[in-house]
């Protein structure tokens, strides 16, 4: 998080460009500094930052607490739970590479909607596995969540780059910093809920995260349309 904040501060500094590029900026009728100022004041940039906050929170909750959930709710040994998390990261990494390649042909927001739907399904399956005390359903839920969560990061970065072509560094720094803050605090709160409320109640509470992602993504779509429309 500290590194992300430093990157954000550095990215906000005006770029030093060669004089050869200055005529192009002047010819466009947009001063260099005016391009770098409004980005971090844009509602779209902050909506993307909130989306990253929830996404990073979700990813770290799953990767950090899934073995405990599977042990307490379904009786799966911690060693097998750790192996399940290895499978989560393997599937997530493969999905991330696939999304980066497929992104040449599929719209990034469409990939985000598919990922959010997969996260909602995976979270629901995880809650069902806790209620039914089924380790097989739990493992299937973790693998599904890995496939759904993986494409989110390249898709978010693609949306940032497309929405802020002249300020991608600043908005990327904002999004990564917000995500790092979520990764620090939300898993801690979720762990406390497991031990205070039990794994089933914690899984039911965690269903809120994909729903929040869906609401934020709907808002991102609307803000992108407003951002692109002429004023």
Protein backbone atom coordinates (compact mmCIF):
# COMPACT_ATOMS: atom_id res chain seq x y z
CA UNK A 1 0.00 0.00 0.00
CA UNK A 2 2.87 2.36 0.84
CA UNK A 3 4.48 1.63 -2.54
CA UNK A 4 1.17 2.27 -4.29
CA UNK A 5 0.75 5.60 -2.51
CA UNK A 6 4.29 6.64 -3.45
CA UNK A 7 3.61 5.65 -7.05
CA UNK A 8 0.42 7.68 -7.00
CA UNK A 9 2.26 10.76 -5.74
CA UNK A 10 4.99 10.36 -8.33
CA UNK A 11 2.49 9.74 -11.12
CA UNK A 12 0.70 12.99 -10.32
CA UNK A 13 3.82 15.01 -11.12
CA UNK A 14 3.85 16.66 -14.55
CA UNK A 15 5.67 14.59 -17.11
CA UNK A 16 8.93 15.88 -18.59
CA UNK A 17 8.65 15.39 -22.30
CA UNK A 18 10.98 16.12 -25.15
CA UNK A 19 10.40 19.37 -27.03
CA UNK A 20 9.60 17.34 -30.13
CA UNK A 21 6.32 16.24 -28.55
CA UNK A 22 5.28 19.73 -27.47
CA UNK A 23 3.97 20.85 -30.89
CA UNK A 24 1.61 17.86 -31.01
CA UNK A 25 0.09 18.79 -27.66
CA UNK A 26 -0.19 22.44 -28.64
CA UNK A 27 -1.67 21.56 -31.99
CA UNK A 28 -4.36 19.60 -30.22
CA UNK A 29 -5.29 22.75 -28.38
CA UNK A 30 -4.82 21.14 -24.95
CA UNK A 31 -2.04 22.40 -22.67
CA UNK A 32 0.19 19.73 -21.15
CA UNK A 33 -0.67 20.47 -17.53
CA UNK A 34 -4.42 20.65 -18.16
CA UNK A 35 -4.33 16.99 -19.20
CA UNK A 36 -2.78 15.85 -15.90
CA UNK A 37 -4.91 17.82 -13.45
CA UNK A 38 -8.55 16.65 -13.82
CA UNK A 39 -7.99 12.88 -13.84
CA UNK A 40 -7.92 12.35 -10.08
CA UNK A 41 -10.93 14.62 -9.69
CA UNK A 42 -13.01 12.48 -12.01
CA UNK A 43 -15.87 10.47 -10.44
CA UNK A 44 -15.03 7.65 -12.85
CA UNK A 45 -11.48 7.43 -11.50
CA UNK A 46 -12.73 7.14 -7.92
CA UNK A 47 -15.40 4.62 -8.89
CA UNK A 48 -12.69 2.46 -10.48
CA UNK A 49 -10.65 2.88 -7.28
CA UNK A 50 -13.58 1.63 -5.18
CA UNK A 51 -14.01 -1.30 -7.54
CA UNK A 52 -10.32 -2.16 -7.07
CA UNK A 53 -10.74 -1.84 -3.29
CA UNK A 54 -13.49 -4.47 -3.27
CA UNK A 55 -11.76 -6.70 -5.84
CA UNK A 56 -8.45 -6.84 -3.94
CA UNK A 57 -10.38 -7.42 -0.72
CA UNK A 58 -12.24 -10.35 -2.25
CA UNK A 59 -9.11 -11.93 -3.69
CA UNK A 60 -7.18 -11.70 -0.43
CA UNK A 61 -10.06 -12.94 1.69
CA UNK A 62 -10.36 -16.06 -0.46
CA UNK A 63 -6.64 -16.75 -0.64
CA UNK A 64 -6.12 -16.07 3.07
CA UNK A 65 -9.11 -17.58 4.81
CA UNK A 66 -10.45 -20.34 2.56
CA UNK A 67 -8.49 -23.12 4.34
CA UNK A 68 -9.96 -22.05 7.69
CA UNK A 69 -13.47 -21.90 6.21
CA UNK A 70 -13.13 -25.35 4.67
CA UNK A 71 -11.73 -26.77 7.90
CA UNK A 72 -14.35 -25.28 10.23
CA UNK A 73 -17.35 -25.67 7.95
CA UNK A 74 -16.60 -28.91 6.12
CA UNK A 75 -13.92 -30.64 8.18
CA UNK A 76 -11.28 -30.46 5.44
CA UNK A 77 -7.74 -30.77 6.88
CA UNK A 78 -5.67 -27.61 6.73
CA UNK A 79 -3.06 -29.32 4.53
CA UNK A 80 -5.68 -30.08 1.89
CA UNK A 81 -7.06 -26.58 2.31
CA UNK A 82 -3.61 -25.18 1.55
CA UNK A 83 -3.44 -27.36 -1.57
CA UNK A 84 -6.83 -25.97 -2.58
CA UNK A 85 -5.45 -22.45 -2.35
CA UNK A 86 -2.56 -23.51 -4.59
CA UNK A 87 -5.21 -24.64 -7.07
CA UNK A 88 -6.97 -21.31 -6.64
CA UNK A 89 -3.83 -19.40 -7.63
CA UNK A 90 -3.07 -21.78 -10.49
CA UNK A 91 -6.55 -21.32 -11.98
CA UNK A 92 -6.51 -17.58 -11.26
CA UNK A 93 -3.15 -17.13 -12.99
CA UNK A 94 -4.26 -19.12 -16.02
CA UNK A 95 -7.47 -17.07 -16.21
CA UNK A 96 -5.48 -13.86 -15.92
CA UNK A 97 -3.19 -14.77 -18.80
CA UNK A 98 -6.20 -15.90 -20.81
CA UNK A 99 -7.98 -12.60 -20.15
CA UNK A 100 -4.91 -10.62 -21.18
CA UNK A 101 -4.80 -12.52 -24.47
CA UNK A 102 -8.55 -12.59 -25.02
CA UNK A 103 -8.79 -8.90 -24.26
CA UNK A 104 -7.81 -8.18 -27.86
CA UNK A 105 -11.21 -9.46 -28.97
CA UNK A 106 -13.52 -9.11 -25.94
CA UNK A 107 -14.51 -5.81 -24.32
CA UNK A 108 -12.94 -5.35 -20.88
CA UNK A 109 -16.23 -4.38 -19.26
CA UNK A 110 -17.82 -7.54 -20.61
CA UNK A 111 -15.03 -9.56 -18.98
CA UNK A 112 -15.62 -7.70 -15.73
CA UNK A 113 -19.33 -8.52 -15.82
CA UNK A 114 -18.52 -12.19 -16.43
CA UNK A 115 -16.05 -12.15 -13.54
CA UNK A 116 -18.54 -10.53 -11.18
CA UNK A 117 -21.17 -13.13 -12.12
CA UNK A 118 -18.63 -15.90 -11.50
CA UNK A 119 -17.72 -14.41 -8.11
CA UNK A 120 -21.37 -14.25 -7.09
CA UNK A 121 -21.86 -17.88 -8.11
CA UNK A 122 -18.67 -18.97 -6.35
CA UNK A 123 -19.58 -17.15 -3.15
CA UNK A 124 -23.04 -18.68 -3.19
CA UNK A 125 -21.54 -22.14 -3.68
CA UNK A 126 -19.12 -21.51 -0.81
CA UNK A 127 -21.99 -20.57 1.50
CA UNK A 128 -23.90 -23.71 0.41
CA UNK A 129 -20.81 -25.85 1.11
CA UNK A 130 -20.58 -24.35 4.61
CA UNK A 131 -24.27 -25.01 5.25
CA UNK A 132 -24.09 -28.57 3.88
CA UNK A 133 -20.66 -29.24 5.43
CA UNK A 134 -19.45 -30.47 2.05
CA UNK A 135 -15.72 -30.25 1.40
CA UNK A 136 -16.20 -31.11 -2.28
CA UNK A 137 -18.54 -28.18 -2.83
CA UNK A 138 -16.11 -25.98 -0.94
CA UNK A 139 -13.17 -26.95 -3.13
CA UNK A 140 -15.29 -26.45 -6.26
CA UNK A 141 -16.30 -23.00 -5.00
CA UNK A 142 -12.66 -21.98 -4.44
CA UNK A 143 -11.63 -23.14 -7.91
CA UNK A 144 -14.57 -21.30 -9.47
CA UNK A 145 -13.64 -18.15 -7.57
CA UNK A 146 -10.09 -18.43 -8.90
CA UNK A 147 -11.36 -18.58 -12.47
CA UNK A 148 -13.68 -15.62 -11.85
CA UNK A 149 -11.25 -13.39 -9.95
CA UNK A 150 -8.26 -13.90 -12.26
CA UNK A 151 -9.40 -11.78 -15.24
CA UNK A 152 -10.35 -8.77 -13.12
CA UNK A 153 -6.95 -7.14 -12.81
CA UNK A 154 -6.07 -6.97 -16.53
CA UNK A 155 -9.65 -5.92 -17.29
CA UNK A 156 -9.51 -3.08 -14.74
CA UNK A 157 -6.20 -1.85 -16.12
CA UNK A 158 -7.61 -2.00 -19.65
CA UNK A 159 -10.64 0.08 -18.63
CA UNK A 160 -8.35 2.63 -16.96
CA UNK A 161 -6.14 2.86 -20.03
CA UNK A 162 -9.12 3.27 -22.36
CA UNK A 163 -10.91 5.81 -20.16
CA UNK A 164 -7.86 7.93 -19.28
CA UNK A 165 -5.42 7.59 -22.19
CA UNK A 166 -3.42 10.65 -21.11
CA UNK A 167 -3.53 9.99 -17.35
CA UNK A 168 -3.39 6.20 -17.11
CA UNK A 169 -0.44 6.34 -14.68
CA UNK A 170 -2.24 8.51 -12.15
CA UNK A 171 -5.51 6.58 -12.23
CA UNK A 172 -3.68 3.24 -12.15
CA UNK A 173 -1.78 4.40 -9.06
CA UNK A 174 -5.04 5.44 -7.43
CA UNK A 175 -6.71 2.10 -8.21
CA UNK A 176 -3.77 -0.02 -7.01
CA UNK A 177 -3.42 2.04 -3.83
CA UNK A 178 -7.12 1.66 -3.04
CA UNK A 179 -6.88 -2.06 -3.70
CA UNK A 180 -3.90 -2.39 -1.37
CA UNK A 181 -5.83 -0.68 1.42
CA UNK A 182 -8.69 -3.13 0.95
CA UNK A 183 -6.27 -6.05 0.97
CA UNK A 184 -4.87 -4.84 4.31
CA UNK A 185 -8.08 -4.34 6.28
CA UNK A 186 -10.96 -6.40 4.83
CA UNK A 187 -9.32 -9.85 5.30
CA UNK A 188 -8.60 -8.94 8.91
CA UNK A 189 -12.26 -8.02 9.48
CA UNK A 190 -13.41 -11.20 7.75
CA UNK A 191 -11.13 -13.32 9.92
CA UNK A 192 -12.64 -11.73 13.02
CA UNK A 193 -16.13 -12.53 11.72
CA UNK A 194 -15.19 -16.21 11.23
CA UNK A 195 -14.16 -16.61 14.86
CA UNK A 196 -16.99 -14.50 16.28
CA UNK A 197 -19.91 -15.53 14.06
CA UNK A 198 -18.83 -18.85 12.59
CA UNK A 199 -17.90 -19.82 9.01
CA UNK A 200 -21.46 -20.00 7.69
CA UNK A 201 -22.39 -16.51 8.89
CA UNK A 202 -19.08 -15.16 7.58
CA UNK A 203 -19.72 -16.71 4.14
CA UNK A 204 -23.21 -15.20 4.07
CA UNK A 205 -21.78 -11.79 4.96
CA UNK A 206 -19.15 -12.19 2.26
CA UNK A 207 -21.85 -12.56 -0.37
CA UNK A 208 -22.15 -8.79 -0.12
CA UNK A 209 -18.79 -8.25 -1.85
CA UNK A 210 -19.83 -9.55 -5.32
CA UNK A 211 -23.07 -7.59 -5.01
CA UNK A 212 -21.07 -4.44 -4.26
CA UNK A 213 -18.84 -5.20 -7.25
CA UNK A 214 -21.92 -5.48 -9.47
CA UNK A 215 -23.25 -2.15 -8.22
CA UNK A 216 -19.91 -0.44 -8.75
CA UNK A 217 -19.52 -1.93 -12.22
CA UNK A 218 -22.96 -0.66 -13.16
CA UNK A 219 -21.85 2.77 -11.97
CA UNK A 220 -18.59 2.45 -13.95
CA UNK A 221 -20.59 1.75 -17.11
CA UNK A 222 -22.74 4.82 -16.53
CA UNK A 223 -19.74 7.02 -15.68
CA UNK A 224 -17.90 5.85 -18.82
CA UNK A 225 -20.88 6.86 -20.93
CA UNK A 226 -20.96 10.26 -19.18
CA UNK A 227 -17.18 10.53 -19.49
CA UNK A 228 -17.30 9.86 -23.24
CA UNK A 229 -20.30 12.05 -24.02
CA UNK A 230 -19.53 15.57 -25.18
CA UNK A 231 -20.28 18.40 -22.77
